[in-house]
PDB file of N, CA and C in Angstrom:
ATOM      1  N   MET A   1     -36.656  96.316  20.117  1.00  0.00           N
ATOM      2  CA  MET A   1     -35.311  95.848  20.114  1.00  0.00           C
ATOM      3  C   MET A   1     -35.083  95.017  18.836  1.00  0.00           C
ATOM      4  N   CYS A   2     -33.937  95.171  18.250  1.00  0.00           N
ATOM      5  CA  CYS A   2     -33.592  94.422  17.054  1.00  0.00           C
ATOM      6  C   CYS A   2     -32.560  93.343  17.378  1.00  0.00           C
ATOM      7  N   LEU A   3     -32.705  92.191  16.739  1.00  0.00           N
ATOM      8  CA  LEU A   3     -31.742  91.108  16.942  1.00  0.00           C
ATOM      9  C   LEU A   3     -31.147  90.739  15.607  1.00  0.00           C
ATOM     10  N   ALA A   4     -29.874  90.424  15.586  1.00  0.00           N
ATOM     11  CA  ALA A   4     -29.237  89.806  14.422  1.00  0.00           C
ATOM     12  C   ALA A   4     -28.850  88.381  14.877  1.00  0.00           C
ATOM     13  N   ILE A   5     -29.241  87.400  14.109  1.00  0.00           N
ATOM     14  CA  ILE A   5     -29.055  85.990  14.495  1.00  0.00           C
ATOM     15  C   ILE A   5     -28.048  85.340  13.539  1.00  0.00           C
ATOM     16  N   PRO A   6     -27.104  84.592  14.085  1.00  0.00           N
ATOM     17  CA  PRO A   6     -26.185  83.850  13.203  1.00  0.00           C
ATOM     18  C   PRO A   6     -26.840  82.614  12.621  1.00  0.00           C
ATOM     19  N   GLY A   7     -26.437  82.299  11.398  1.00  0.00           N
ATOM     20  CA  GLY A   7     -26.900  81.052  10.748  1.00  0.00           C
ATOM     21  C   GLY A   7     -25.835  80.622   9.755  1.00  0.00           C
ATOM     22  N   GLU A   8     -25.963  79.335   9.310  1.00  0.00           N
ATOM     23  CA  GLU A   8     -25.004  78.788   8.412  1.00  0.00           C
ATOM     24  C   GLU A   8     -25.469  78.952   6.971  1.00  0.00           C
ATOM     25  N   LEU A   9     -24.586  79.488   6.145  1.00  0.00           N
ATOM     26  CA  LEU A   9     -24.880  79.721   4.717  1.00  0.00           C
ATOM     27  C   LEU A   9     -24.771  78.385   4.023  1.00  0.00           C
ATOM     28  N   VAL A  10     -25.881  77.918   3.444  1.00  0.00           N
ATOM     29  CA  VAL A  10     -25.868  76.586   2.784  1.00  0.00           C
ATOM     30  C   VAL A  10     -25.891  76.644   1.300  1.00  0.00           C
ATOM     31  N   SER A  11     -26.226  77.771   0.699  1.00  0.00           N
ATOM     32  CA  SER A  11     -26.140  77.892  -0.747  1.00  0.00           C
ATOM     33  C   SER A  11     -26.091  79.362  -1.164  1.00  0.00           C
ATOM     34  N   ILE A  12     -25.549  79.638  -2.329  1.00  0.00           N
ATOM     35  CA  ILE A  12     -25.422  80.990  -2.853  1.00  0.00           C
ATOM     36  C   ILE A  12     -26.009  80.989  -4.277  1.00  0.00           C
ATOM     37  N   ASP A  13     -26.744  82.057  -4.598  1.00  0.00           N
ATOM     38  CA  ASP A  13     -27.233  82.285  -5.950  1.00  0.00           C
ATOM     39  C   ASP A  13     -26.861  83.702  -6.323  1.00  0.00           C
ATOM     40  N   ALA A  14     -25.838  83.819  -7.160  1.00  0.00           N
ATOM     41  CA  ALA A  14     -25.336  85.163  -7.570  1.00  0.00           C
ATOM     42  C   ALA A  14     -25.771  85.489  -8.981  1.00  0.00           C
ATOM     43  N   SER A  15     -26.797  84.808  -9.490  1.00  0.00           N
ATOM     44  CA  SER A  15     -27.217  85.026 -10.871  1.00  0.00           C
ATOM     45  C   SER A  15     -28.082  86.253 -11.092  1.00  0.00           C
ATOM     46  N   GLY A  16     -28.665  86.790  -9.998  1.00  0.00           N
ATOM     47  CA  GLY A  16     -29.556  87.908 -10.126  1.00  0.00           C
ATOM     48  C   GLY A  16     -28.856  89.261  -9.904  1.00  0.00           C
ATOM     49  N   VAL A  17     -29.629  90.292  -9.765  1.00  0.00           N
ATOM     50  CA  VAL A  17     -29.095  91.625  -9.526  1.00  0.00           C
ATOM     51  C   VAL A  17     -28.387  91.683  -8.167  1.00  0.00           C
ATOM     52  N   MET A  18     -29.009  91.055  -7.163  1.00  0.00           N
ATOM     53  CA  MET A  18     -28.414  91.009  -5.807  1.00  0.00           C
ATOM     54  C   MET A  18     -28.046  89.565  -5.507  1.00  0.00           C
ATOM     55  N   PRO A  19     -26.848  89.329  -4.923  1.00  0.00           N
ATOM     56  CA  PRO A  19     -26.537  87.968  -4.528  1.00  0.00           C
ATOM     57  C   PRO A  19     -27.421  87.507  -3.375  1.00  0.00           C
ATOM     58  N   MET A  20     -27.974  86.326  -3.462  1.00  0.00           N
ATOM     59  CA  MET A  20     -28.848  85.792  -2.424  1.00  0.00           C
ATOM     60  C   MET A  20     -28.289  84.477  -1.950  1.00  0.00           C
ATOM     61  N   GLY A  21     -28.675  84.095  -0.737  1.00  0.00           N
ATOM     62  CA  GLY A  21     -28.214  82.837  -0.221  1.00  0.00           C
ATOM     63  C   GLY A  21     -29.257  82.233   0.714  1.00  0.00           C
ATOM     64  N   VAL A  22     -29.155  80.907   0.901  1.00  0.00           N
ATOM     65  CA  VAL A  22     -30.023  80.230   1.852  1.00  0.00           C
ATOM     66  C   VAL A  22     -29.197  80.022   3.116  1.00  0.00           C
ATOM     67  N   VAL A  23     -29.780  80.476   4.250  1.00  0.00           N
ATOM     68  CA  VAL A  23     -29.151  80.382   5.530  1.00  0.00           C
ATOM     69  C   VAL A  23     -30.003  79.511   6.459  1.00  0.00           C
ATOM     70  N   ARG A  24     -29.354  78.598   7.166  1.00  0.00           N
ATOM     71  CA  ARG A  24     -30.055  77.689   8.074  1.00  0.00           C
ATOM     72  C   ARG A  24     -29.901  78.185   9.505  1.00  0.00           C
ATOM     73  N   PHE A  25     -31.046  78.332  10.175  1.00  0.00           N
ATOM     74  CA  PHE A  25     -31.118  78.735  11.562  1.00  0.00           C
ATOM     75  C   PHE A  25     -31.774  77.605  12.326  1.00  0.00           C
ATOM     76  N   ALA A  26     -31.023  76.805  13.082  1.00  0.00           N
ATOM     77  CA  ALA A  26     -31.546  75.750  13.874  1.00  0.00           C
ATOM     78  C   ALA A  26     -32.549  74.895  13.135  1.00  0.00           C
ATOM     79  N   GLY A  27     -32.185  74.501  11.898  1.00  0.00           N
ATOM     80  CA  GLY A  27     -33.046  73.636  11.095  1.00  0.00           C
ATOM     81  C   GLY A  27     -34.030  74.342  10.224  1.00  0.00           C
ATOM     82  N   VAL A  28     -34.200  75.625  10.382  1.00  0.00           N
ATOM     83  CA  VAL A  28     -35.119  76.375   9.515  1.00  0.00           C
ATOM     84  C   VAL A  28     -34.264  77.181   8.485  1.00  0.00           C
ATOM     85  N   SER A  29     -34.638  77.085   7.232  1.00  0.00           N
ATOM     86  CA  SER A  29     -33.890  77.775   6.183  1.00  0.00           C
ATOM     87  C   SER A  29     -34.653  78.973   5.687  1.00  0.00           C
ATOM     88  N   ARG A  30     -33.890  80.043   5.433  1.00  0.00           N
ATOM     89  CA  ARG A  30     -34.450  81.291   4.919  1.00  0.00           C
ATOM     90  C   ARG A  30     -33.522  81.828   3.823  1.00  0.00           C
ATOM     91  N   THR A  31     -34.140  82.484   2.849  1.00  0.00           N
ATOM     92  CA  THR A  31     -33.378  83.165   1.811  1.00  0.00           C
ATOM     93  C   THR A  31     -33.042  84.549   2.294  1.00  0.00           C
ATOM     94  N   VAL A  32     -31.748  84.937   2.152  1.00  0.00           N
ATOM     95  CA  VAL A  32     -31.318  86.237   2.622  1.00  0.00           C
ATOM     96  C   VAL A  32     -30.458  86.929   1.526  1.00  0.00           C
ATOM     97  N   CYS A  33     -30.359  88.202   1.610  1.00  0.00           N
ATOM     98  CA  CYS A  33     -29.535  89.008   0.679  1.00  0.00           C
ATOM     99  C   CYS A  33     -28.085  88.998   1.174  1.00  0.00           C
ATOM    100  N   LEU A  34     -27.165  88.755   0.284  1.00  0.00           N
ATOM    101  CA  LEU A  34     -25.727  88.689   0.640  1.00  0.00           C
ATOM    102  C   LEU A  34     -24.960  89.924   0.094  1.00  0.00           C
ATOM    103  N   ALA A  35     -25.656  91.001  -0.291  1.00  0.00           N
ATOM    104  CA  ALA A  35     -25.007  92.141  -0.849  1.00  0.00           C
ATOM    105  C   ALA A  35     -23.991  92.788   0.105  1.00  0.00           C
ATOM    106  N   CYS A  36     -24.261  92.716   1.399  1.00  0.00           N
ATOM    107  CA  CYS A  36     -23.396  93.337   2.387  1.00  0.00           C
ATOM    108  C   CYS A  36     -22.220  92.425   2.775  1.00  0.00           C
ATOM    109  N   THR A  37     -22.237  91.182   2.322  1.00  0.00           N
ATOM    110  CA  THR A  37     -21.210  90.219   2.684  1.00  0.00           C
ATOM    111  C   THR A  37     -20.724  89.480   1.450  1.00  0.00           C
ATOM    112  N   PRO A  38     -20.116  90.198   0.508  1.00  0.00           N
ATOM    113  CA  PRO A  38     -19.676  89.521  -0.720  1.00  0.00           C
ATOM    114  C   PRO A  38     -18.590  88.477  -0.471  1.00  0.00           C
ATOM    115  N   GLU A  39     -17.943  88.499   0.660  1.00  0.00           N
ATOM    116  CA  GLU A  39     -16.894  87.556   0.987  1.00  0.00           C
ATOM    117  C   GLU A  39     -17.452  86.217   1.537  1.00  0.00           C
ATOM    118  N   ALA A  40     -18.744  86.159   1.800  1.00  0.00           N
ATOM    119  CA  ALA A  40     -19.330  84.969   2.406  1.00  0.00           C
ATOM    120  C   ALA A  40     -19.287  83.801   1.438  1.00  0.00           C
ATOM    121  N   ARG A  41     -18.963  82.609   1.970  1.00  0.00           N
ATOM    122  CA  ARG A  41     -18.904  81.382   1.210  1.00  0.00           C
ATOM    123  C   ARG A  41     -19.769  80.322   1.838  1.00  0.00           C
ATOM    124  N   VAL A  42     -20.203  79.335   1.101  1.00  0.00           N
ATOM    125  CA  VAL A  42     -21.018  78.240   1.648  1.00  0.00           C
ATOM    126  C   VAL A  42     -20.231  77.580   2.795  1.00  0.00           C
ATOM    127  N   GLY A  43     -20.909  77.402   3.920  1.00  0.00           N
ATOM    128  CA  GLY A  43     -20.302  76.828   5.090  1.00  0.00           C
ATOM    129  C   GLY A  43     -19.943  77.883   6.121  1.00  0.00           C
ATOM    130  N   ASP A  44     -19.901  79.162   5.707  1.00  0.00           N
ATOM    131  CA  ASP A  44     -19.617  80.237   6.655  1.00  0.00           C
ATOM    132  C   ASP A  44     -20.852  80.495   7.524  1.00  0.00           C
ATOM    133  N   TYR A  45     -20.653  81.084   8.665  1.00  0.00           N
ATOM    134  CA  TYR A  45     -21.763  81.607   9.447  1.00  0.00           C
ATOM    135  C   TYR A  45     -21.893  83.083   9.231  1.00  0.00           C
ATOM    136  N   VAL A  46     -23.109  83.538   9.019  1.00  0.00           N
ATOM    137  CA  VAL A  46     -23.357  84.944   8.791  1.00  0.00           C
ATOM    138  C   VAL A  46     -24.385  85.432   9.814  1.00  0.00           C
ATOM    139  N   VAL A  47     -24.260  86.693  10.209  1.00  0.00           N
ATOM    140  CA  VAL A  47     -25.209  87.293  11.131  1.00  0.00           C
ATOM    141  C   VAL A  47     -26.248  87.970  10.258  1.00  0.00           C
ATOM    142  N   VAL A  48     -27.520  87.594  10.487  1.00  0.00           N
ATOM    143  CA  VAL A  48     -28.643  88.077   9.623  1.00  0.00           C
ATOM    144  C   VAL A  48     -29.589  88.966  10.424  1.00  0.00           C
ATOM    145  N   HIS A  49     -29.898  90.088   9.831  1.00  0.00           N
ATOM    146  CA  HIS A  49     -30.888  91.006  10.385  1.00  0.00           C
ATOM    147  C   HIS A  49     -31.823  91.471   9.311  1.00  0.00           C
ATOM    148  N   ALA A  50     -33.083  91.304   9.462  1.00  0.00           N
ATOM    149  CA  ALA A  50     -34.136  91.814   8.535  1.00  0.00           C
ATOM    150  C   ALA A  50     -33.920  91.318   7.107  1.00  0.00           C
ATOM    151  N   GLY A  51     -33.439  90.067   6.996  1.00  0.00           N
ATOM    152  CA  GLY A  51     -33.273  89.473   5.675  1.00  0.00           C
ATOM    153  C   GLY A  51     -31.976  89.765   4.954  1.00  0.00           C
ATOM    154  N   TYR A  52     -31.046  90.424   5.652  1.00  0.00           N
ATOM    155  CA  TYR A  52     -29.741  90.753   5.105  1.00  0.00           C
ATOM    156  C   TYR A  52     -28.634  90.151   5.975  1.00  0.00           C
ATOM    157  N   ALA A  53     -27.696  89.500   5.303  1.00  0.00           N
ATOM    158  CA  ALA A  53     -26.502  89.004   6.005  1.00  0.00           C
ATOM    159  C   ALA A  53     -25.585  90.229   6.207  1.00  0.00           C
ATOM    160  N   MET A  54     -25.353  90.561   7.491  1.00  0.00           N
ATOM    161  CA  MET A  54     -24.649  91.789   7.832  1.00  0.00           C
ATOM    162  C   MET A  54     -23.139  91.571   8.032  1.00  0.00           C
ATOM    163  N   ALA A  55     -22.743  90.360   8.419  1.00  0.00           N
ATOM    164  CA  ALA A  55     -21.322  90.081   8.696  1.00  0.00           C
ATOM    165  C   ALA A  55     -21.084  88.578   8.665  1.00  0.00           C
ATOM    166  N   VAL A  56     -19.892  88.229   8.337  1.00  0.00           N
ATOM    167  CA  VAL A  56     -19.428  86.827   8.458  1.00  0.00           C
ATOM    168  C   VAL A  56     -18.771  86.690   9.831  1.00  0.00           C
ATOM    169  N   VAL A  57     -19.148  85.644  10.559  1.00  0.00           N
ATOM    170  CA  VAL A  57     -18.566  85.391  11.884  1.00  0.00           C
ATOM    171  C   VAL A  57     -17.982  83.974  11.904  1.00  0.00           C
ATOM    172  N   ASP A  58     -17.039  83.772  12.829  1.00  0.00           N
ATOM    173  CA  ASP A  58     -16.484  82.414  12.885  1.00  0.00           C
ATOM    174  C   ASP A  58     -17.463  81.478  13.588  1.00  0.00           C
ATOM    175  N   ALA A  59     -17.314  80.206  13.331  1.00  0.00           N
ATOM    176  CA  ALA A  59     -18.239  79.174  13.826  1.00  0.00           C
ATOM    177  C   ALA A  59     -18.341  79.181  15.318  1.00  0.00           C
ATOM    178  N   ALA A  60     -17.238  79.375  16.011  1.00  0.00           N
ATOM    179  CA  ALA A  60     -17.254  79.338  17.489  1.00  0.00           C
ATOM    180  C   ALA A  60     -18.094  80.489  18.033  1.00  0.00           C
ATOM    181  N   ALA A  61     -17.936  81.693  17.490  1.00  0.00           N
ATOM    182  CA  ALA A  61     -18.700  82.831  17.962  1.00  0.00           C
ATOM    183  C   ALA A  61     -20.217  82.613  17.657  1.00  0.00           C
ATOM    184  N   ALA A  62     -20.509  82.036  16.478  1.00  0.00           N
ATOM    185  CA  ALA A  62     -21.945  81.795  16.146  1.00  0.00           C
ATOM    186  C   ALA A  62     -22.534  80.768  17.098  1.00  0.00           C
ATOM    187  N   GLN A  63     -21.803  79.699  17.398  1.00  0.00           N
ATOM    188  CA  GLN A  63     -22.299  78.669  18.309  1.00  0.00           C
ATOM    189  C   GLN A  63     -22.519  79.253  19.724  1.00  0.00           C
ATOM    190  N   GLU A  64     -21.610  80.085  20.156  1.00  0.00           N
ATOM    191  CA  GLU A  64     -21.746  80.715  21.477  1.00  0.00           C
ATOM    192  C   GLU A  64     -22.989  81.614  21.539  1.00  0.00           C
ATOM    193  N   THR A  65     -23.177  82.395  20.481  1.00  0.00           N
ATOM    194  CA  THR A  65     -24.408  83.253  20.430  1.00  0.00           C
ATOM    195  C   THR A  65     -25.655  82.423  20.444  1.00  0.00           C
ATOM    196  N   LEU A  66     -25.699  81.358  19.660  1.00  0.00           N
ATOM    197  CA  LEU A  66     -26.853  80.526  19.565  1.00  0.00           C
ATOM    198  C   LEU A  66     -27.141  79.850  20.930  1.00  0.00           C
ATOM    199  N   ALA A  67     -26.102  79.430  21.651  1.00  0.00           N
ATOM    200  CA  ALA A  67     -26.269  78.825  22.964  1.00  0.00           C
ATOM    201  C   ALA A  67     -26.865  79.839  23.936  1.00  0.00           C
ATOM    202  N   LEU A  68     -26.380  81.063  23.879  1.00  0.00           N
ATOM    203  CA  LEU A  68     -26.919  82.120  24.765  1.00  0.00           C
ATOM    204  C   LEU A  68     -28.378  82.408  24.448  1.00  0.00           C
ATOM    205  N   LEU A  69     -28.705  82.433  23.168  1.00  0.00           N
ATOM    206  CA  LEU A  69     -30.113  82.674  22.789  1.00  0.00           C
ATOM    207  C   LEU A  69     -31.016  81.518  23.256  1.00  0.00           C
ATOM    208  N   GLY A  70     -30.439  80.317  23.280  1.00  0.00           N
ATOM    209  CA  GLY A  70     -31.236  79.177  23.682  1.00  0.00           C
ATOM    210  C   GLY A  70     -31.555  79.114  25.146  1.00  0.00           C
ATOM    211  N   GLN A  71     -30.802  79.896  25.932  1.00  0.00           N
ATOM    212  CA  GLN A  71     -31.014  79.874  27.411  1.00  0.00           C
ATOM    213  C   GLN A  71     -32.247  80.621  27.725  1.00  0.00           C
TER     214      GLN A  71
END
């Protein structure tokens, strides 16, 4: 089974071939590819799967998902 987890985008680096960003998941930060979400901005929540941000989601939906995962 595959999961996509929401996290908060805390920085963006668009200087390379692929735009990359740092996403925070419950205090843990990971670098992810932002090529699929060019509209993402710092402070947005993105759904990440296998190192790629797949979609931008609103903060309420992200928090709801994280609460469900925490149960």
